[in-house]
C-alpha atoms as a PDB file:
ATOM      1  CA  MET A   1     -12.242 -35.551  32.523  1.00  0.00           C
ATOM      2  CA  ASP A   2     -11.732 -36.431  28.753  1.00  0.00           C
ATOM      3  CA  VAL A   3      -9.568 -33.669  27.100  1.00  0.00           C
ATOM      4  CA  THR A   4     -10.248 -35.033  23.627  1.00  0.00           C
ATOM      5  CA  GLY A   5     -12.234 -32.243  21.964  1.00  0.00           C
ATOM      6  CA  ARG A   6     -11.971 -29.894  24.623  1.00  0.00           C
ATOM      7  CA  THR A   7     -10.501 -26.165  24.858  1.00  0.00           C
ATOM      8  CA  ALA A   8      -7.751 -25.337  26.876  1.00  0.00           C
ATOM      9  CA  VAL A   9      -5.454 -22.114  27.719  1.00  0.00           C
ATOM     10  CA  VAL A  10      -2.184 -22.760  29.283  1.00  0.00           C
ATOM     11  CA  THR A  11      -0.008 -19.737  30.490  1.00  0.00           C
ATOM     12  CA  GLY A  12       3.753 -19.663  30.754  1.00  0.00           C
ATOM     13  CA  ALA A  13       3.551 -21.986  27.541  1.00  0.00           C
ATOM     14  CA  ALA A  14       6.633 -20.661  25.646  1.00  0.00           C
ATOM     15  CA  GLY A  15       8.808 -23.289  27.202  1.00  0.00           C
ATOM     16  CA  GLY A  16       9.186 -25.717  30.226  1.00  0.00           C
ATOM     17  CA  ILE A  17       5.994 -27.264  31.899  1.00  0.00           C
ATOM     18  CA  GLY A  18       3.841 -24.856  30.017  1.00  0.00           C
ATOM     19  CA  ALA A  19       5.049 -26.021  26.647  1.00  0.00           C
ATOM     20  CA  ALA A  20       4.976 -29.760  27.577  1.00  0.00           C
ATOM     21  CA  LEU A  21       1.443 -29.290  29.038  1.00  0.00           C
ATOM     22  CA  ALA A  22       0.383 -27.849  25.737  1.00  0.00           C
ATOM     23  CA  SER A  23       1.968 -30.525  23.919  1.00  0.00           C
ATOM     24  CA  ALA A  24       0.169 -33.258  25.860  1.00  0.00           C
ATOM     25  CA  LEU A  25      -3.182 -31.691  25.525  1.00  0.00           C
ATOM     26  CA  THR A  26      -2.633 -31.356  21.695  1.00  0.00           C
ATOM     27  CA  ALA A  27      -1.565 -35.332  21.588  1.00  0.00           C
ATOM     28  CA  ARG A  28      -4.962 -36.151  23.135  1.00  0.00           C
ATOM     29  CA  GLY A  29      -7.062 -34.020  20.783  1.00  0.00           C
ATOM     30  CA  ALA A  30      -7.547 -30.715  22.796  1.00  0.00           C
ATOM     31  CA  SER A  31      -7.530 -27.507  21.040  1.00  0.00           C
ATOM     32  CA  VAL A  32      -5.051 -25.154  22.865  1.00  0.00           C
ATOM     33  CA  LEU A  33      -4.219 -21.484  23.000  1.00  0.00           C
ATOM     34  CA  LEU A  34      -0.724 -20.890  24.275  1.00  0.00           C
ATOM     35  CA  ALA A  35       0.157 -17.934  26.428  1.00  0.00           C
ATOM     36  CA  ASP A  36       3.363 -16.248  27.652  1.00  0.00           C
ATOM     37  CA  ILE A  37       5.011 -12.871  27.896  1.00  0.00           C
ATOM     38  CA  ASP A  38       7.999 -14.539  25.832  1.00  0.00           C
ATOM     39  CA  PRO A  39       7.585 -14.091  21.922  1.00  0.00           C
ATOM     40  CA  GLN A  40       9.058 -17.673  21.756  1.00  0.00           C
ATOM     41  CA  VAL A  41       5.444 -18.740  22.489  1.00  0.00           C
ATOM     42  CA  ALA A  42       4.400 -18.200  18.749  1.00  0.00           C
ATOM     43  CA  GLU A  43       7.271 -20.864  17.747  1.00  0.00           C
ATOM     44  CA  THR A  44       6.169 -23.211  20.240  1.00  0.00           C
ATOM     45  CA  ALA A  45       2.512 -22.925  19.229  1.00  0.00           C
ATOM     46  CA  ALA A  46       3.151 -23.104  15.624  1.00  0.00           C
ATOM     47  CA  ALA A  47       5.162 -26.268  16.033  1.00  0.00           C
ATOM     48  CA  LEU A  48       2.262 -27.899  17.736  1.00  0.00           C
ATOM     49  CA  GLY A  49      -0.320 -26.303  15.366  1.00  0.00           C
ATOM     50  CA  GLN A  50      -2.139 -24.272  17.998  1.00  0.00           C
ATOM     51  CA  HIS A  51      -3.174 -20.817  18.691  1.00  0.00           C
ATOM     52  CA  HIS A  52      -1.058 -18.305  20.773  1.00  0.00           C
ATOM     53  CA  TRP A  53      -1.286 -14.923  22.739  1.00  0.00           C
ATOM     54  CA  THR A  54       1.714 -13.064  23.454  1.00  0.00           C
ATOM     55  CA  GLY A  55       1.371 -10.859  26.770  1.00  0.00           C
ATOM     56  CA  ASP A  56       1.707 -10.386  30.440  1.00  0.00           C
ATOM     57  CA  VAL A  57      -1.164 -11.959  32.759  1.00  0.00           C
ATOM     58  CA  ALA A  58       0.414 -10.117  35.805  1.00  0.00           C
ATOM     59  CA  SER A  59      -2.519  -7.486  35.442  1.00  0.00           C
ATOM     60  CA  ALA A  60      -6.324  -7.550  35.193  1.00  0.00           C
ATOM     61  CA  GLN A  61      -6.022  -5.970  31.734  1.00  0.00           C
ATOM     62  CA  GLY A  62      -3.539  -8.869  30.640  1.00  0.00           C
ATOM     63  CA  VAL A  63      -5.918 -11.607  31.845  1.00  0.00           C
ATOM     64  CA  ASP A  64      -9.006  -9.896  30.069  1.00  0.00           C
ATOM     65  CA  GLY A  65      -6.922  -9.866  26.996  1.00  0.00           C
ATOM     66  CA  LEU A  66      -5.762 -13.287  26.902  1.00  0.00           C
ATOM     67  CA  LEU A  67      -9.359 -14.540  27.616  1.00  0.00           C
ATOM     68  CA  SER A  68     -10.660 -12.377  24.818  1.00  0.00           C
ATOM     69  CA  ALA A  69      -8.075 -13.903  22.601  1.00  0.00           C
ATOM     70  CA  ALA A  70      -8.769 -17.251  23.510  1.00  0.00           C
ATOM     71  CA  ARG A  71     -12.651 -17.031  23.218  1.00  0.00           C
ATOM     72  CA  GLU A  72     -12.053 -15.587  19.813  1.00  0.00           C
ATOM     73  CA  ALA A  73      -9.861 -18.444  18.781  1.00  0.00           C
ATOM     74  CA  LEU A  74     -11.365 -21.340  20.662  1.00  0.00           C
ATOM     75  CA  GLY A  75     -14.788 -20.338  21.906  1.00  0.00           C
ATOM     76  CA  ASP A  76     -15.859 -21.533  25.122  1.00  0.00           C
ATOM     77  CA  ILE A  77     -12.785 -22.271  27.363  1.00  0.00           C
ATOM     78  CA  ASP A  78     -13.098 -25.750  29.200  1.00  0.00           C
ATOM     79  CA  LEU A  79      -9.374 -25.828  30.881  1.00  0.00           C
ATOM     80  CA  TYR A  80      -7.452 -23.153  32.237  1.00  0.00           C
ATOM     81  CA  PHE A  81      -3.924 -23.953  33.129  1.00  0.00           C
ATOM     82  CA  ALA A  82      -2.492 -21.143  35.424  1.00  0.00           C
ATOM     83  CA  ASN A  83       1.150 -22.152  34.853  1.00  0.00           C
ATOM     84  CA  ALA A  84       2.981 -18.898  34.556  1.00  0.00           C
ATOM     85  CA  GLY A  85       5.480 -18.325  37.275  1.00  0.00           C
ATOM     86  CA  ILE A  86       8.498 -16.475  38.452  1.00  0.00           C
ATOM     87  CA  THR A  87      11.132 -17.194  41.364  1.00  0.00           C
ATOM     88  CA  GLY A  88      11.303 -13.434  42.197  1.00  0.00           C
ATOM     89  CA  ALA A  89      13.781 -12.122  44.557  1.00  0.00           C
ATOM     90  CA  ARG A  90      15.819 -13.800  46.820  1.00  0.00           C
ATOM     91  CA  GLY A  91      15.676 -12.982  50.513  1.00  0.00           C
ATOM     92  CA  ILE A  92      12.762 -11.093  51.971  1.00  0.00           C
ATOM     93  CA  GLY A  93      12.632  -8.846  48.967  1.00  0.00           C
ATOM     94  CA  GLY A  94      11.290  -5.447  48.759  1.00  0.00           C
ATOM     95  CA  GLU A  95       8.024  -3.698  47.969  1.00  0.00           C
ATOM     96  CA  ALA A  96       8.236  -4.049  44.077  1.00  0.00           C
ATOM     97  CA  ASP A  97       9.391  -7.449  44.565  1.00  0.00           C
ATOM     98  CA  TRP A  98       6.332  -8.450  46.307  1.00  0.00           C
ATOM     99  CA  ASP A  99       3.972  -6.673  43.775  1.00  0.00           C
ATOM    100  CA  ARG A 100       5.410  -8.358  40.888  1.00  0.00           C
ATOM    101  CA  ILE A 101       5.347 -11.810  42.325  1.00  0.00           C
ATOM    102  CA  LEU A 102       1.868 -11.780  43.857  1.00  0.00           C
ATOM    103  CA  ASP A 103       0.713 -10.512  40.480  1.00  0.00           C
ATOM    104  CA  VAL A 104       2.263 -13.353  38.543  1.00  0.00           C
ATOM    105  CA  ASN A 105       2.235 -16.184  40.855  1.00  0.00           C
ATOM    106  CA  LEU A 106      -1.117 -15.611  42.659  1.00  0.00           C
ATOM    107  CA  ARG A 107      -3.385 -12.511  41.207  1.00  0.00           C
ATOM    108  CA  ALA A 108      -3.183 -14.037  38.022  1.00  0.00           C
ATOM    109  CA  HIS A 109      -4.821 -17.310  39.134  1.00  0.00           C
ATOM    110  CA  ILE A 110      -7.319 -15.120  41.065  1.00  0.00           C
ATOM    111  CA  ARG A 111      -8.248 -13.014  38.142  1.00  0.00           C
ATOM    112  CA  ALA A 112      -8.454 -15.858  35.790  1.00  0.00           C
ATOM    113  CA  ALA A 113     -10.692 -17.680  38.043  1.00  0.00           C
ATOM    114  CA  GLU A 114     -12.778 -14.474  38.657  1.00  0.00           C
ATOM    115  CA  ARG A 115     -13.575 -14.424  35.221  1.00  0.00           C
ATOM    116  CA  LEU A 116     -14.002 -18.005  34.299  1.00  0.00           C
ATOM    117  CA  VAL A 117     -15.818 -19.597  37.290  1.00  0.00           C
ATOM    118  CA  PRO A 118     -19.266 -17.835  36.796  1.00  0.00           C
ATOM    119  CA  GLU A 119     -19.233 -19.051  33.302  1.00  0.00           C
ATOM    120  CA  TRP A 120     -18.419 -22.413  34.287  1.00  0.00           C
ATOM    121  CA  THR A 121     -21.116 -22.701  36.942  1.00  0.00           C
ATOM    122  CA  ARG A 122     -23.707 -21.506  34.427  1.00  0.00           C
ATOM    123  CA  ARG A 123     -22.581 -24.299  31.983  1.00  0.00           C
ATOM    124  CA  GLY A 124     -22.253 -26.911  34.837  1.00  0.00           C
ATOM    125  CA  GLY A 125     -18.498 -27.486  34.098  1.00  0.00           C
ATOM    126  CA  GLY A 126     -14.782 -26.371  33.746  1.00  0.00           C
ATOM    127  CA  TYR A 127     -11.229 -27.275  34.912  1.00  0.00           C
ATOM    128  CA  PHE A 128      -8.748 -24.989  36.570  1.00  0.00           C
ATOM    129  CA  VAL A 129      -5.209 -26.489  36.992  1.00  0.00           C
ATOM    130  CA  ALA A 130      -2.738 -24.300  39.139  1.00  0.00           C
ATOM    131  CA  THR A 131       0.774 -24.655  39.078  1.00  0.00           C
ATOM    132  CA  ALA A 132       2.383 -24.195  42.491  1.00  0.00           C
ATOM    133  CA  SER A 133       5.402 -26.026  43.846  1.00  0.00           C
ATOM    134  CA  ALA A 134       6.485 -28.425  46.445  1.00  0.00           C
ATOM    135  CA  ALA A 135       7.442 -25.008  48.423  1.00  0.00           C
ATOM    136  CA  GLY A 136       3.577 -24.424  48.539  1.00  0.00           C
ATOM    137  CA  LEU A 137       3.316 -27.452  50.698  1.00  0.00           C
ATOM    138  CA  LEU A 138       6.762 -27.010  52.530  1.00  0.00           C
ATOM    139  CA  THR A 139       9.014 -23.932  51.950  1.00  0.00           C
ATOM    140  CA  GLN A 140      11.652 -22.606  49.596  1.00  0.00           C
ATOM    141  CA  ILE A 141      15.093 -21.925  51.217  1.00  0.00           C
ATOM    142  CA  GLY A 142      16.178 -18.323  50.315  1.00  0.00           C
ATOM    143  CA  ALA A 143      13.132 -16.965  48.465  1.00  0.00           C
ATOM    144  CA  ALA A 144      10.409 -15.484  50.835  1.00  0.00           C
ATOM    145  CA  GLY A 145       8.356 -14.336  47.868  1.00  0.00           C
ATOM    146  CA  TYR A 146       8.251 -17.663  45.993  1.00  0.00           C
ATOM    147  CA  SER A 147       7.501 -19.674  49.210  1.00  0.00           C
ATOM    148  CA  VAL A 148       4.628 -17.526  50.338  1.00  0.00           C
ATOM    149  CA  THR A 149       2.913 -17.230  46.577  1.00  0.00           C
ATOM    150  CA  LYS A 150       3.079 -20.837  46.156  1.00  0.00           C
ATOM    151  CA  HIS A 151       1.536 -21.416  49.463  1.00  0.00           C
ATOM    152  CA  ALA A 152      -1.280 -19.051  48.566  1.00  0.00           C
ATOM    153  CA  ALA A 153      -1.834 -20.593  45.066  1.00  0.00           C
ATOM    154  CA  LEU A 154      -2.258 -23.792  46.555  1.00  0.00           C
ATOM    155  CA  ALA A 155      -4.644 -22.254  49.298  1.00  0.00           C
ATOM    156  CA  PHE A 156      -6.806 -20.427  46.449  1.00  0.00           C
ATOM    157  CA  ALA A 157      -6.988 -23.687  44.685  1.00  0.00           C
ATOM    158  CA  GLU A 158      -8.201 -25.323  47.598  1.00  0.00           C
ATOM    159  CA  TRP A 159     -10.855 -22.817  48.266  1.00  0.00           C
ATOM    160  CA  LEU A 160     -11.814 -22.953  44.681  1.00  0.00           C
ATOM    161  CA  SER A 161     -12.578 -26.642  45.004  1.00  0.00           C
ATOM    162  CA  VAL A 162     -14.566 -26.417  48.096  1.00  0.00           C
ATOM    163  CA  THR A 163     -16.622 -23.667  47.022  1.00  0.00           C
ATOM    164  CA  TYR A 164     -17.390 -24.751  43.549  1.00  0.00           C
ATOM    165  CA  GLY A 165     -16.673 -28.380  43.265  1.00  0.00           C
ATOM    166  CA  ASP A 166     -20.277 -28.928  43.779  1.00  0.00           C
ATOM    167  CA  GLU A 167     -21.280 -26.706  40.769  1.00  0.00           C
ATOM    168  CA  GLY A 168     -19.228 -28.594  38.292  1.00  0.00           C
ATOM    169  CA  VAL A 169     -15.794 -26.826  38.685  1.00  0.00           C
ATOM    170  CA  ARG A 170     -12.795 -29.225  38.894  1.00  0.00           C
ATOM    171  CA  VAL A 171      -9.742 -28.152  40.275  1.00  0.00           C
ATOM    172  CA  SER A 172      -6.234 -29.332  40.639  1.00  0.00           C
ATOM    173  CA  VAL A 173      -2.804 -27.979  41.732  1.00  0.00           C
ATOM    174  CA  LEU A 174       0.656 -29.067  40.740  1.00  0.00           C
ATOM    175  CA  ALA A 175       3.162 -29.086  43.434  1.00  0.00           C
ATOM    176  CA  PRO A 176       6.663 -30.575  42.002  1.00  0.00           C
ATOM    177  CA  MET A 177      10.152 -30.231  43.210  1.00  0.00           C
ATOM    178  CA  GLY A 178      12.788 -29.840  40.683  1.00  0.00           C
ATOM    179  CA  VAL A 179      11.992 -29.820  37.223  1.00  0.00           C
ATOM    180  CA  ASN A 180      14.783 -29.216  34.276  1.00  0.00           C
ATOM    181  CA  THR A 181      13.304 -25.686  33.105  1.00  0.00           C
ATOM    182  CA  LYS A 182      14.641 -22.085  33.313  1.00  0.00           C
ATOM    183  CA  ILE A 183      12.822 -21.441  36.664  1.00  0.00           C
ATOM    184  CA  LEU A 184      15.157 -23.677  38.039  1.00  0.00           C
ATOM    185  CA  TRP A 185      18.599 -23.314  36.350  1.00  0.00           C
ATOM    186  CA  GLY A 186      17.968 -19.822  35.156  1.00  0.00           C
ATOM    187  CA  ASP A 187      18.741 -18.857  31.399  1.00  0.00           C
ATOM    188  CA  GLY A 188      22.503 -18.872  31.714  1.00  0.00           C
ATOM    189  CA  THR A 189      22.592 -14.834  30.972  1.00  0.00           C
ATOM    190  CA  GLN A 190      23.635 -13.901  34.491  1.00  0.00           C
ATOM    191  CA  GLU A 191      25.898 -15.148  37.190  1.00  0.00           C
ATOM    192  CA  LYS A 192      23.913 -16.416  40.062  1.00  0.00           C
ATOM    193  CA  THR A 193      24.513 -14.895  43.678  1.00  0.00           C
ATOM    194  CA  GLY A 194      25.532 -16.952  46.720  1.00  0.00           C
ATOM    195  CA  GLU A 195      21.845 -17.214  47.665  1.00  0.00           C
ATOM    196  CA  GLU A 196      20.395 -18.003  44.202  1.00  0.00           C
ATOM    197  CA  ARG A 197      22.885 -20.813  44.200  1.00  0.00           C
ATOM    198  CA  VAL A 198      21.792 -21.977  47.722  1.00  0.00           C
ATOM    199  CA  SER A 199      18.265 -21.759  46.498  1.00  0.00           C
ATOM    200  CA  GLN A 200      18.891 -23.519  43.295  1.00  0.00           C
ATOM    201  CA  GLN A 201      20.856 -26.485  45.176  1.00  0.00           C
ATOM    202  CA  ALA A 202      18.235 -26.809  47.463  1.00  0.00           C
ATOM    203  CA  VAL A 203      15.745 -27.745  44.958  1.00  0.00           C
ATOM    204  CA  ALA A 204      18.087 -29.862  42.740  1.00  0.00           C
ATOM    205  CA  GLU A 205      19.305 -31.963  45.808  1.00  0.00           C
ATOM    206  CA  ALA A 206      15.945 -32.641  47.328  1.00  0.00           C
ATOM    207  CA  GLY A 207      15.110 -35.157  44.690  1.00  0.00           C
ATOM    208  CA  THR A 208      15.214 -36.265  41.056  1.00  0.00           C
ATOM    209  CA  VAL A 209      14.996 -33.210  38.571  1.00  0.00           C
ATOM    210  CA  LEU A 210      12.300 -34.267  36.368  1.00  0.00           C
ATOM    211  CA  GLU A 211      11.795 -33.595  32.626  1.00  0.00           C
ATOM    212  CA  PRO A 212       8.877 -31.097  31.804  1.00  0.00           C
ATOM    213  CA  ALA A 213       7.160 -33.989  29.536  1.00  0.00           C
ATOM    214  CA  ASP A 214       7.144 -36.370  32.355  1.00  0.00           C
ATOM    215  CA  VAL A 215       5.412 -33.887  34.665  1.00  0.00           C
ATOM    216  CA  ALA A 216       3.048 -32.905  31.923  1.00  0.00           C
ATOM    217  CA  GLU A 217       1.948 -36.697  31.637  1.00  0.00           C
ATOM    218  CA  THR A 218       1.433 -36.748  35.437  1.00  0.00           C
ATOM    219  CA  VAL A 219      -0.913 -33.855  35.118  1.00  0.00           C
ATOM    220  CA  MET A 220      -2.742 -35.292  32.379  1.00  0.00           C
ATOM    221  CA  ALA A 221      -3.293 -38.585  34.505  1.00  0.00           C
ATOM    222  CA  ALA A 222      -4.524 -36.328  37.352  1.00  0.00           C
ATOM    223  CA  VAL A 223      -6.994 -34.388  35.330  1.00  0.00           C
ATOM    224  CA  GLU A 224      -8.155 -37.390  33.628  1.00  0.00           C
ATOM    225  CA  SER A 225      -8.981 -38.824  37.162  1.00  0.00           C
ATOM    226  CA  GLU A 226      -9.961 -35.411  38.751  1.00  0.00           C
ATOM    227  CA  THR A 227      -7.275 -35.549  41.425  1.00  0.00           C
ATOM    228  CA  PHE A 228      -6.682 -32.620  43.174  1.00  0.00           C
ATOM    229  CA  LEU A 229      -3.147 -32.594  44.636  1.00  0.00           C
ATOM    230  CA  ILE A 230      -0.797 -33.561  41.768  1.00  0.00           C
ATOM    231  CA  LEU A 231       2.803 -34.639  42.889  1.00  0.00           C
ATOM    232  CA  PRO A 232       5.083 -35.741  40.432  1.00  0.00           C
ATOM    233  CA  HIS A 233       7.626 -36.270  43.228  1.00  0.00           C
ATOM    234  CA  PRO A 234       5.469 -38.780  45.536  1.00  0.00           C
ATOM    235  CA  GLU A 235       8.075 -38.194  48.404  1.00  0.00           C
ATOM    236  CA  VAL A 236       6.905 -34.640  48.752  1.00  0.00           C
ATOM    237  CA  LEU A 237       3.726 -36.194  50.485  1.00  0.00           C
ATOM    238  CA  ASP A 238       5.996 -37.706  53.275  1.00  0.00           C
ATOM    239  CA  MET A 239       7.736 -34.789  53.759  1.00  0.00           C
ATOM    240  CA  TYR A 240       4.333 -32.654  54.176  1.00  0.00           C
ATOM    241  CA  ARG A 241       3.091 -35.368  56.567  1.00  0.00           C
ATOM    242  CA  MET A 242       6.621 -35.159  58.632  1.00  0.00           C
ATOM    243  CA  LYS A 243       5.947 -31.278  58.719  1.00  0.00           C
ATOM    244  CA  GLY A 244       2.337 -31.629  60.038  1.00  0.00           C
ATOM    245  CA  SER A 245       3.390 -34.173  62.451  1.00  0.00           C
ATOM    246  CA  ASP A 246       5.937 -32.156  64.440  1.00  0.00           C
ATOM    247  CA  TYR A 247       6.379 -28.608  62.999  1.00  0.00           C
ATOM    248  CA  ASP A 248       9.049 -27.542  65.342  1.00  0.00           C
ATOM    249  CA  ARG A 249      11.227 -30.609  64.393  1.00  0.00           C
ATOM    250  CA  TRP A 250      10.692 -29.751  60.932  1.00  0.00           C
ATOM    251  CA  LEU A 251      11.647 -26.302  61.076  1.00  0.00           C
ATOM    252  CA  ARG A 252      14.978 -27.468  62.978  1.00  0.00           C
ATOM    253  CA  GLY A 253      15.484 -29.833  60.103  1.00  0.00           C
ATOM    254  CA  MET A 254      15.233 -26.979  57.502  1.00  0.00           C
ATOM    255  CA  ARG A 255      17.599 -24.946  59.276  1.00  0.00           C
ATOM    256  CA  ARG A 256      20.192 -27.411  59.617  1.00  0.00           C
ATOM    257  CA  TYR A 257      19.664 -28.138  55.762  1.00  0.00           C
ATOM    258  CA  GLN A 258      20.073 -24.457  55.112  1.00  0.00           C
ATOM    259  CA  ALA A 259      23.042 -24.299  57.102  1.00  0.00           C
ATOM    260  CA  LYS A 260      24.704 -27.100  55.192  1.00  0.00           C
ATOM    261  CA  LEU A 261      23.667 -25.693  51.880  1.00  0.00           C
ATOM    262  CA  ARG A 262      25.703 -22.478  52.957  1.00  0.00           C
ATOM    263  CA  GLY A 263      28.632 -24.219  53.971  1.00  0.00           C
END
């Protein structure tokens, strides 16, 4: 797909990967609406000369509001980047923790696709890009909710591709390891707990921590070539293959790594 002249919505676009995706799309001649719960999204969009929407996609009403604003600003939506995400609670978490992370990291994708896919199949084209994580192929030490929702986001993207790929709907899923964003480091306003530090260290030490702009360029190359699995850290594929080749060995190795991180 050539994104020149296309319209795109990017969620979680106030900063980090989302802002970098919006910038990369803008540089390629796309019209973009940046969406985020963070009011900073207005400034980010203004700097790019693009549209913005401030709100929460963690509900059906929020997704409806976003898509309504996007259609008013852009017309038909050609590409949708489901990028908004949270790390959620450490450990298993409680009921409220699971409700929130499922709504943000998974149901926001489902709700957007539910509304966009019928339109795209009628038009014979559309592109859905989901931000998951290497945790969606592997796991995230210390954070059950993050691991489960990233697995699920990847699984949902697979299903979309299988079910609607022959009707013109293209799907890609982004699965990086560490990226230099708030979702890895936090915003610096709160002291991290021991488990939070362990979880952060597990990501930061697993591979190179990439800059969002570099990740965005990798995503754009994958969209242009219509590649499903986007791996800014190519070594993740080797890890995934190792996991699949001997699951019990991989689990033992992850337990040893967790014990090492915990000292």
